[in-house]
Amino acid sequence: MVELIFFERTHFKQLINWIETPEFLLQWGGPIFRFPLDEQQLENYLEKANKDHATIFVYSVIEKETRKIIGHISLGEIDTTNKSARIGKVLVGEKSIRGKGIGQQMMKEILKVAFEELRLHRVSLGVFDFNDTAIACYEKSGFVKEGLHRVKKNR
């Protein structure tokens, strides 16, 4: 079982160690981060997070039994007027426990925050179409594909 705790500066090193390639960083963090991930980028990430009336909550995922940090997840674009938010930065960092249902546990916990604590009505997320493992996890967690975002390339 897992629990979510607010992501803190003392967790930076662990997250940095999990991000091993530019491709992985882009997939996990999008365009707001550049490789190699460093503490200053994470300071900027946390700057407006985890405060009263914040529009983003950033969490470390803790394995309850060992108290070890095993992942990362965020709930961002929190819109209290329209009662919506977007899950992002989902990462089961410990490779040895991937494929064991940890992602679904993480989703269950973040959805508790969204629906029970924040009383939101809608939660969305985005995922690359080649990330079959993540898609399966999200679908098992109750998410439904609504659309496909296409990007036109300049030629």
C-alpha atoms as a PDB file:
ATOM      1  CA  MET A   1       0.000   0.000   0.000  1.00  0.00           C
ATOM      2  CA  VAL A   2       1.068   3.556  -0.646  1.00  0.00           C
ATOM      3  CA  GLU A   3       0.424   7.003   0.720  1.00  0.00           C
ATOM      4  CA  LEU A   4       1.062  10.467  -0.661  1.00  0.00           C
ATOM      5  CA  ILE A   5       3.103  13.082   1.159  1.00  0.00           C
ATOM      6  CA  PHE A   6       3.988  16.523  -0.105  1.00  0.00           C
ATOM      7  CA  PHE A   7       7.114  16.558  -2.283  1.00  0.00           C
ATOM      8  CA  GLU A   8       9.928  18.367  -0.456  1.00  0.00           C
ATOM      9  CA  ARG A   9      13.447  19.534  -1.127  1.00  0.00           C
ATOM     10  CA  THR A  10      14.792  16.514   0.741  1.00  0.00           C
ATOM     11  CA  HIS A  11      13.178  14.345  -1.984  1.00  0.00           C
ATOM     12  CA  PHE A  12      14.879  16.122  -4.910  1.00  0.00           C
ATOM     13  CA  LYS A  13      17.895  13.807  -5.126  1.00  0.00           C
ATOM     14  CA  GLN A  14      15.740  10.686  -5.353  1.00  0.00           C
ATOM     15  CA  LEU A  15      13.650  12.093  -8.213  1.00  0.00           C
ATOM     16  CA  ILE A  16      16.734  13.323 -10.059  1.00  0.00           C
ATOM     17  CA  ASN A  17      18.239   9.827  -9.823  1.00  0.00           C
ATOM     18  CA  TRP A  18      15.151   8.283 -11.451  1.00  0.00           C
ATOM     19  CA  ILE A  19      15.304  10.549 -14.515  1.00  0.00           C
ATOM     20  CA  GLU A  20      18.062   8.889 -16.544  1.00  0.00           C
ATOM     21  CA  THR A  21      17.512  10.096 -20.136  1.00  0.00           C
ATOM     22  CA  PRO A  22      16.246  13.190 -21.970  1.00  0.00           C
ATOM     23  CA  GLU A  23      13.463  11.091 -23.521  1.00  0.00           C
ATOM     24  CA  PHE A  24      12.277   9.874 -20.130  1.00  0.00           C
ATOM     25  CA  LEU A  25      12.340  13.413 -18.757  1.00  0.00           C
ATOM     26  CA  LEU A  26      10.252  14.698 -21.667  1.00  0.00           C
ATOM     27  CA  GLN A  27       7.742  11.879 -21.245  1.00  0.00           C
ATOM     28  CA  TRP A  28       7.511  12.401 -17.481  1.00  0.00           C
ATOM     29  CA  GLY A  29       7.877  16.122 -17.135  1.00  0.00           C
ATOM     30  CA  GLY A  30       6.997  17.697 -20.441  1.00  0.00           C
ATOM     31  CA  PRO A  31       8.574  20.862 -21.749  1.00  0.00           C
ATOM     32  CA  ILE A  32       8.899  22.615 -18.388  1.00  0.00           C
ATOM     33  CA  PHE A  33      11.997  20.573 -17.540  1.00  0.00           C
ATOM     34  CA  ARG A  34      15.285  20.144 -19.405  1.00  0.00           C
ATOM     35  CA  PHE A  35      17.832  17.358 -19.140  1.00  0.00           C
ATOM     36  CA  PRO A  36      19.649  16.828 -16.904  1.00  0.00           C
ATOM     37  CA  LEU A  37      17.033  17.506 -14.235  1.00  0.00           C
ATOM     38  CA  ASP A  38      18.523  19.539 -11.392  1.00  0.00           C
ATOM     39  CA  GLU A  39      17.574  21.022  -8.041  1.00  0.00           C
ATOM     40  CA  GLN A  40      16.936  24.523  -9.423  1.00  0.00           C
ATOM     41  CA  GLN A  41      14.323  23.173 -11.836  1.00  0.00           C
ATOM     42  CA  LEU A  42      12.656  21.350  -8.957  1.00  0.00           C
ATOM     43  CA  GLU A  43      12.763  24.508  -6.806  1.00  0.00           C
ATOM     44  CA  ASN A  44      10.910  26.316  -9.602  1.00  0.00           C
ATOM     45  CA  TYR A  45       8.438  23.420  -9.855  1.00  0.00           C
ATOM     46  CA  LEU A  46       7.665  23.652  -6.131  1.00  0.00           C
ATOM     47  CA  GLU A  47       7.545  27.447  -5.996  1.00  0.00           C
ATOM     48  CA  LYS A  48       3.755  27.723  -6.236  1.00  0.00           C
ATOM     49  CA  ALA A  49       2.848  24.184  -5.162  1.00  0.00           C
ATOM     50  CA  ASN A  50       1.451  22.727  -1.961  1.00  0.00           C
ATOM     51  CA  LYS A  51       0.193  26.014  -0.509  1.00  0.00           C
ATOM     52  CA  ASP A  52      -3.258  27.213   0.475  1.00  0.00           C
ATOM     53  CA  HIS A  53      -5.235  27.921  -2.694  1.00  0.00           C
ATOM     54  CA  ALA A  54      -2.463  26.441  -4.862  1.00  0.00           C
ATOM     55  CA  THR A  55      -3.347  25.240  -8.348  1.00  0.00           C
ATOM     56  CA  ILE A  56      -0.913  22.334  -8.065  1.00  0.00           C
ATOM     57  CA  PHE A  57      -0.188  19.755  -5.408  1.00  0.00           C
ATOM     58  CA  VAL A  58       3.009  17.762  -5.842  1.00  0.00           C
ATOM     59  CA  TYR A  59       3.533  14.492  -3.998  1.00  0.00           C
ATOM     60  CA  SER A  60       6.102  11.861  -3.248  1.00  0.00           C
ATOM     61  CA  VAL A  61       4.683   8.360  -3.094  1.00  0.00           C
ATOM     62  CA  ILE A  62       5.666   6.442   0.023  1.00  0.00           C
ATOM     63  CA  GLU A  63       5.467   2.704   0.521  1.00  0.00           C
ATOM     64  CA  LYS A  64       3.619   2.477   3.842  1.00  0.00           C
ATOM     65  CA  GLU A  65       5.437  -0.589   5.174  1.00  0.00           C
ATOM     66  CA  THR A  66       9.015   0.583   4.525  1.00  0.00           C
ATOM     67  CA  ARG A  67       8.402   4.388   4.502  1.00  0.00           C
ATOM     68  CA  LYS A  68      10.576   4.458   1.373  1.00  0.00           C
ATOM     69  CA  ILE A  69       9.921   6.944  -1.444  1.00  0.00           C
ATOM     70  CA  ILE A  70       8.941   4.869  -4.477  1.00  0.00           C
ATOM     71  CA  GLY A  71       7.316   7.360  -6.810  1.00  0.00           C
ATOM     72  CA  HIS A  72       6.016  10.778  -7.689  1.00  0.00           C
ATOM     73  CA  ILE A  73       2.657  12.242  -8.800  1.00  0.00           C
ATOM     74  CA  SER A  74       0.982  15.627  -9.077  1.00  0.00           C
ATOM     75  CA  LEU A  75      -2.480  17.099  -9.271  1.00  0.00           C
ATOM     76  CA  GLY A  76      -2.316  20.318 -11.241  1.00  0.00           C
ATOM     77  CA  GLU A  77      -4.420  22.808 -13.131  1.00  0.00           C
ATOM     78  CA  ILE A  78      -6.712  22.778 -10.108  1.00  0.00           C
ATOM     79  CA  ASP A  79      -9.712  24.939 -10.972  1.00  0.00           C
ATOM     80  CA  THR A  80     -11.982  25.344  -7.972  1.00  0.00           C
ATOM     81  CA  THR A  81     -14.525  27.336  -9.967  1.00  0.00           C
ATOM     82  CA  ASN A  82     -15.053  24.643 -12.582  1.00  0.00           C
ATOM     83  CA  LYS A  83     -14.223  21.833 -10.114  1.00  0.00           C
ATOM     84  CA  SER A  84     -11.560  20.223 -12.311  1.00  0.00           C
ATOM     85  CA  ALA A  85      -7.897  19.240 -12.254  1.00  0.00           C
ATOM     86  CA  ARG A  86      -5.318  17.272 -14.194  1.00  0.00           C
ATOM     87  CA  ILE A  87      -3.100  14.450 -12.964  1.00  0.00           C
ATOM     88  CA  GLY A  88       0.499  14.643 -14.101  1.00  0.00           C
ATOM     89  CA  LYS A  89       4.081  13.677 -13.400  1.00  0.00           C
ATOM     90  CA  VAL A  90       3.132  10.061 -12.668  1.00  0.00           C
ATOM     91  CA  LEU A  91       6.208   7.969 -11.956  1.00  0.00           C
ATOM     92  CA  VAL A  92       6.829   4.657 -10.260  1.00  0.00           C
ATOM     93  CA  GLY A  93      10.497   5.365  -9.718  1.00  0.00           C
ATOM     94  CA  GLU A  94      11.675   2.088  -8.284  1.00  0.00           C
ATOM     95  CA  LYS A  95      12.110  -0.194 -11.303  1.00  0.00           C
ATOM     96  CA  SER A  96      11.945  -3.346  -9.167  1.00  0.00           C
ATOM     97  CA  ILE A  97       8.312  -2.698  -8.220  1.00  0.00           C
ATOM     98  CA  ARG A  98       6.971  -1.607 -11.600  1.00  0.00           C
ATOM     99  CA  GLY A  99       4.204  -3.821 -12.949  1.00  0.00           C
ATOM    100  CA  LYS A 100       2.995  -4.739  -9.461  1.00  0.00           C
ATOM    101  CA  GLY A 101      -0.056  -2.458  -9.201  1.00  0.00           C
ATOM    102  CA  ILE A 102       1.691   0.490  -7.561  1.00  0.00           C
ATOM    103  CA  GLY A 103       0.475   2.832 -10.313  1.00  0.00           C
ATOM    104  CA  GLN A 104      -3.132   1.906  -9.601  1.00  0.00           C
ATOM    105  CA  GLN A 105      -2.586   2.512  -5.890  1.00  0.00           C
ATOM    106  CA  MET A 106      -1.103   5.915  -6.703  1.00  0.00           C
ATOM    107  CA  MET A 107      -4.097   6.748  -8.883  1.00  0.00           C
ATOM    108  CA  LYS A 108      -6.509   5.700  -6.129  1.00  0.00           C
ATOM    109  CA  GLU A 109      -4.770   8.011  -3.643  1.00  0.00           C
ATOM    110  CA  ILE A 110      -4.582  11.028  -5.964  1.00  0.00           C
ATOM    111  CA  LEU A 111      -8.242  10.583  -6.903  1.00  0.00           C
ATOM    112  CA  LYS A 112      -9.109  10.610  -3.185  1.00  0.00           C
ATOM    113  CA  VAL A 113      -7.408  13.984  -2.926  1.00  0.00           C
ATOM    114  CA  ALA A 114      -9.259  15.266  -5.981  1.00  0.00           C
ATOM    115  CA  PHE A 115     -12.747  13.972  -5.279  1.00  0.00           C
ATOM    116  CA  GLU A 116     -12.909  13.642  -1.495  1.00  0.00           C
ATOM    117  CA  GLU A 117     -10.651  16.409  -0.190  1.00  0.00           C
ATOM    118  CA  LEU A 118     -10.986  19.021  -2.942  1.00  0.00           C
ATOM    119  CA  ARG A 119     -14.529  18.008  -3.955  1.00  0.00           C
ATOM    120  CA  LEU A 120     -13.744  18.228  -7.666  1.00  0.00           C
ATOM    121  CA  HIS A 121     -16.090  16.887 -10.330  1.00  0.00           C
ATOM    122  CA  ARG A 122     -13.688  16.113 -13.171  1.00  0.00           C
ATOM    123  CA  VAL A 123     -10.100  14.878 -13.336  1.00  0.00           C
ATOM    124  CA  SER A 124      -8.184  14.390 -16.567  1.00  0.00           C
ATOM    125  CA  LEU A 125      -4.697  13.351 -17.584  1.00  0.00           C
ATOM    126  CA  GLY A 126      -2.575  12.989 -20.675  1.00  0.00           C
ATOM    127  CA  VAL A 127      -0.406  10.103 -21.773  1.00  0.00           C
ATOM    128  CA  PHE A 128       1.668   9.319 -24.831  1.00  0.00           C
ATOM    129  CA  ASP A 129      -0.033   6.770 -27.080  1.00  0.00           C
ATOM    130  CA  PHE A 130       2.987   4.436 -26.955  1.00  0.00           C
ATOM    131  CA  ASN A 131       2.884   4.138 -23.162  1.00  0.00           C
ATOM    132  CA  ASP A 132       0.715   1.009 -23.083  1.00  0.00           C
ATOM    133  CA  THR A 133       1.510   0.212 -19.458  1.00  0.00           C
ATOM    134  CA  ALA A 134       0.359   3.629 -18.246  1.00  0.00           C
ATOM    135  CA  ILE A 135      -2.752   3.540 -20.444  1.00  0.00           C
ATOM    136  CA  ALA A 136      -3.721   0.152 -18.988  1.00  0.00           C
ATOM    137  CA  CYS A 137      -3.193   1.490 -15.460  1.00  0.00           C
ATOM    138  CA  TYR A 138      -5.327   4.570 -16.103  1.00  0.00           C
ATOM    139  CA  GLU A 139      -8.111   2.548 -17.695  1.00  0.00           C
ATOM    140  CA  LYS A 140      -8.123   0.126 -14.726  1.00  0.00           C
ATOM    141  CA  SER A 141      -8.400   3.211 -12.506  1.00  0.00           C
ATOM    142  CA  GLY A 142     -11.577   4.289 -14.298  1.00  0.00           C
ATOM    143  CA  PHE A 143     -10.282   6.705 -16.898  1.00  0.00           C
ATOM    144  CA  VAL A 144     -11.847   6.699 -20.355  1.00  0.00           C
ATOM    145  CA  LYS A 145     -10.202   7.861 -23.584  1.00  0.00           C
ATOM    146  CA  GLU A 146     -11.947  11.027 -24.736  1.00  0.00           C
ATOM    147  CA  GLY A 147      -9.732  12.236 -27.510  1.00  0.00           C
ATOM    148  CA  LEU A 148      -6.404  12.347 -29.194  1.00  0.00           C
ATOM    149  CA  HIS A 149      -4.256  15.454 -29.178  1.00  0.00           C
ATOM    150  CA  ARG A 150      -2.452  15.817 -32.473  1.00  0.00           C
ATOM    151  CA  VAL A 151       0.451  18.130 -33.149  1.00  0.00           C
ATOM    152  CA  LYS A 152       1.087  19.378 -36.662  1.00  0.00           C
ATOM    153  CA  LYS A 153       4.722  19.220 -37.662  1.00  0.00           C
ATOM    154  CA  ASN A 154       6.304  21.904 -39.826  1.00  0.00           C
ATOM    155  CA  ARG A 155       7.846  20.512 -42.980  1.00  0.00           C
END
